[in-house]
Amino acid sequence: MLKTFFSQLSVFASGGAGLFVLVLCCALFFFLGAVFARLALLASLSKIIAEERSDAVKKSRAVLGGLAGEQVAPFMPGFPCNPADARFVGKPVDFVAFSGAADGDEIKEILLIEVKSGEASLSKRERQIKACVESGLVRFVEYRIN
């Protein structure tokens, strides 16, 4: 069947007008193919963009929830010290707490507190700080300005 089609097409195209129509048809098919390919690309890009935006919104909500959680953590059950003893630092740890200071008592211990929510884990820097504290690599330095 294709052989017949191409033989008739070659007979038709042997004249000058036939060749023009053949070239015009080829150009039209090329143009339509390019248009459909572009539409398919735009459709797939739209889907990818929608998925990326959704992922970005989820991550943003998690970050904002974590930041809000850091601020209210001292007032939640199970916080390791009196909220009045804790001082918000933010980076590289969330709080430094001086247990007993708010009551005017003797300071019993100093805590470095990192607040996490959900499935969050310690960052590389936070793990390094934890290792220094656990190894006893902590000191008090008095710095005087003259």
Protein backbone atom coordinates (compact mmCIF):
# COMPACT_ATOMS: atom_id res chain seq x y z
CA MET A 1 0.00 0.00 0.00
CA LEU A 2 2.81 2.43 0.89
CA LYS A 3 4.56 1.50 -2.34
CA THR A 4 1.49 2.48 -4.30
CA PHE A 5 1.14 5.74 -2.38
CA PHE A 6 4.77 6.72 -3.01
CA SER A 7 4.56 5.80 -6.71
CA GLN A 8 1.46 7.97 -7.13
CA LEU A 9 3.14 10.73 -5.15
CA SER A 10 6.20 10.63 -7.41
CA VAL A 11 4.00 10.85 -10.51
CA PHE A 12 2.12 13.78 -8.99
CA ALA A 13 5.34 15.50 -7.94
CA SER A 14 6.90 15.21 -11.40
CA GLY A 15 5.11 18.36 -12.50
CA GLY A 16 6.15 21.79 -11.19
CA ALA A 17 2.88 22.41 -9.34
CA GLY A 18 3.01 18.95 -7.81
CA LEU A 19 6.48 19.57 -6.43
CA PHE A 20 5.33 22.82 -4.89
CA VAL A 21 2.37 21.11 -3.22
CA LEU A 22 4.65 18.32 -1.97
CA VAL A 23 7.10 20.80 -0.42
CA LEU A 24 4.20 22.76 1.06
CA CYS A 25 2.76 19.58 2.63
CA CYS A 26 6.15 18.63 4.06
CA ALA A 27 6.57 22.11 5.53
CA LEU A 28 3.06 21.97 7.00
CA PHE A 29 3.72 18.55 8.59
CA PHE A 30 7.05 19.79 9.96
CA PHE A 31 5.37 22.89 11.41
CA LEU A 32 2.55 20.86 12.97
CA GLY A 33 5.07 18.40 14.44
CA ALA A 34 7.03 21.27 15.97
CA VAL A 35 3.84 22.80 17.41
CA PHE A 36 2.73 19.50 18.95
CA ALA A 37 6.22 18.86 20.34
CA ARG A 38 6.23 22.32 21.92
CA LEU A 39 2.78 21.78 23.43
CA ALA A 40 3.89 18.43 24.87
CA LEU A 41 7.02 20.05 26.32
CA LEU A 42 5.01 22.88 27.87
CA ALA A 43 2.57 20.39 29.40
CA SER A 44 5.38 18.37 30.95
CA LEU A 45 7.14 21.52 32.18
CA SER A 46 3.90 22.74 33.78
CA LYS A 47 3.61 19.44 35.63
CA ILE A 48 7.25 19.60 36.80
CA ILE A 49 6.84 23.22 37.96
CA ALA A 50 3.67 22.36 39.88
CA GLU A 51 5.44 19.47 41.64
CA GLU A 52 8.46 21.64 42.49
CA ARG A 53 6.24 24.40 43.87
CA SER A 54 4.35 21.92 46.00
CA ASP A 55 7.63 20.55 47.37
CA ALA A 56 8.91 24.08 48.08
CA VAL A 57 5.72 24.94 49.97
CA LYS A 58 6.02 21.77 52.08
CA LYS A 59 9.65 22.56 52.95
CA SER A 60 8.82 26.18 53.73
CA ARG A 61 6.01 25.11 56.07
CA ALA A 62 8.37 22.71 57.83
CA VAL A 63 10.99 25.44 58.31
CA LEU A 64 8.42 27.97 59.56
CA GLY A 65 6.92 25.37 61.89
CA GLY A 66 10.38 24.61 63.25
CA LEU A 67 11.12 28.30 63.83
CA ALA A 68 7.81 28.76 65.64
CA GLY A 69 8.48 25.61 67.66
CA GLU A 70 11.84 26.98 68.76
CA GLN A 71 10.20 30.07 70.20
CA VAL A 72 7.53 28.20 72.21
CA ALA A 73 9.67 25.19 73.17
CA PRO A 74 10.65 26.55 76.61
CA PHE A 75 6.98 26.64 77.58
CA MET A 76 6.16 23.12 76.42
CA PRO A 77 6.09 20.10 78.72
CA GLY A 78 9.39 18.29 79.07
CA PHE A 79 11.66 21.28 78.42
CA PRO A 80 14.87 20.46 80.33
CA CYS A 81 14.92 23.60 82.51
CA ASN A 82 12.93 26.59 83.76
CA PRO A 83 12.02 28.74 80.70
CA ALA A 84 13.29 31.83 82.54
CA ASP A 85 16.75 30.22 82.72
CA ALA A 86 16.97 29.84 78.92
CA ARG A 87 18.41 32.46 76.57
CA PHE A 88 17.61 32.20 72.87
CA VAL A 89 20.74 32.19 70.71
CA GLY A 90 19.43 30.77 67.42
CA LYS A 91 22.70 29.70 65.84
CA PRO A 92 24.59 27.41 66.22
CA VAL A 93 22.35 26.17 69.06
CA ASP A 94 18.86 27.38 69.90
CA PHE A 95 19.22 28.07 73.63
CA VAL A 96 21.84 28.43 76.32
CA ALA A 97 20.31 27.81 79.72
CA PHE A 98 21.71 28.55 83.17
CA SER A 99 19.79 26.18 85.41
CA GLY A 100 18.82 27.90 88.68
CA ALA A 101 19.63 31.48 87.60
CA ALA A 102 16.03 32.70 87.35
CA ASP A 103 15.28 31.68 90.94
CA GLY A 104 18.37 33.46 92.23
CA ASP A 105 19.78 30.10 93.23
CA GLU A 106 23.24 28.82 92.55
CA ILE A 107 23.70 27.85 88.90
CA LYS A 108 23.63 24.07 88.88
CA GLU A 109 24.50 23.46 85.24
CA ILE A 110 24.75 25.12 81.86
CA LEU A 111 22.78 23.55 79.03
CA LEU A 112 23.16 23.98 75.30
CA ILE A 113 19.70 23.17 73.93
CA GLU A 114 18.86 22.42 70.31
CA VAL A 115 15.14 22.20 69.50
CA LYS A 116 14.05 19.82 66.72
CA SER A 117 10.63 18.88 65.41
CA GLY A 118 9.30 16.00 63.35
CA GLU A 119 11.97 13.87 61.70
CA ALA A 120 14.64 16.60 61.81
CA SER A 121 18.13 15.54 62.84
CA LEU A 122 21.17 17.43 64.05
CA SER A 123 23.19 19.27 61.43
CA LYS A 124 26.90 18.61 60.98
CA ARG A 125 27.77 21.73 63.02
CA GLU A 126 25.34 20.74 65.81
CA ARG A 127 26.86 17.25 65.98
CA GLN A 128 30.33 18.83 66.27
CA ILE A 129 29.16 21.03 69.17
CA LYS A 130 27.59 18.03 70.90
CA ALA A 131 30.84 16.06 70.52
CA CYS A 132 32.89 18.94 72.01
CA VAL A 133 30.57 19.19 75.02
CA GLU A 134 30.56 15.42 75.56
CA SER A 135 34.37 15.35 75.30
CA GLY A 136 34.73 18.13 77.87
CA LEU A 137 36.16 20.58 75.33
CA VAL A 138 34.28 23.49 76.89
CA ARG A 139 35.87 26.34 78.83
CA PHE A 140 35.03 29.68 80.36
CA VAL A 141 37.01 32.64 79.03
CA GLU A 142 37.14 36.06 80.67
CA TYR A 143 37.87 38.69 78.02
CA ARG A 144 38.69 42.20 79.27
CA ILE A 145 38.64 45.35 77.21
CA ASN A 146 41.03 48.06 78.36
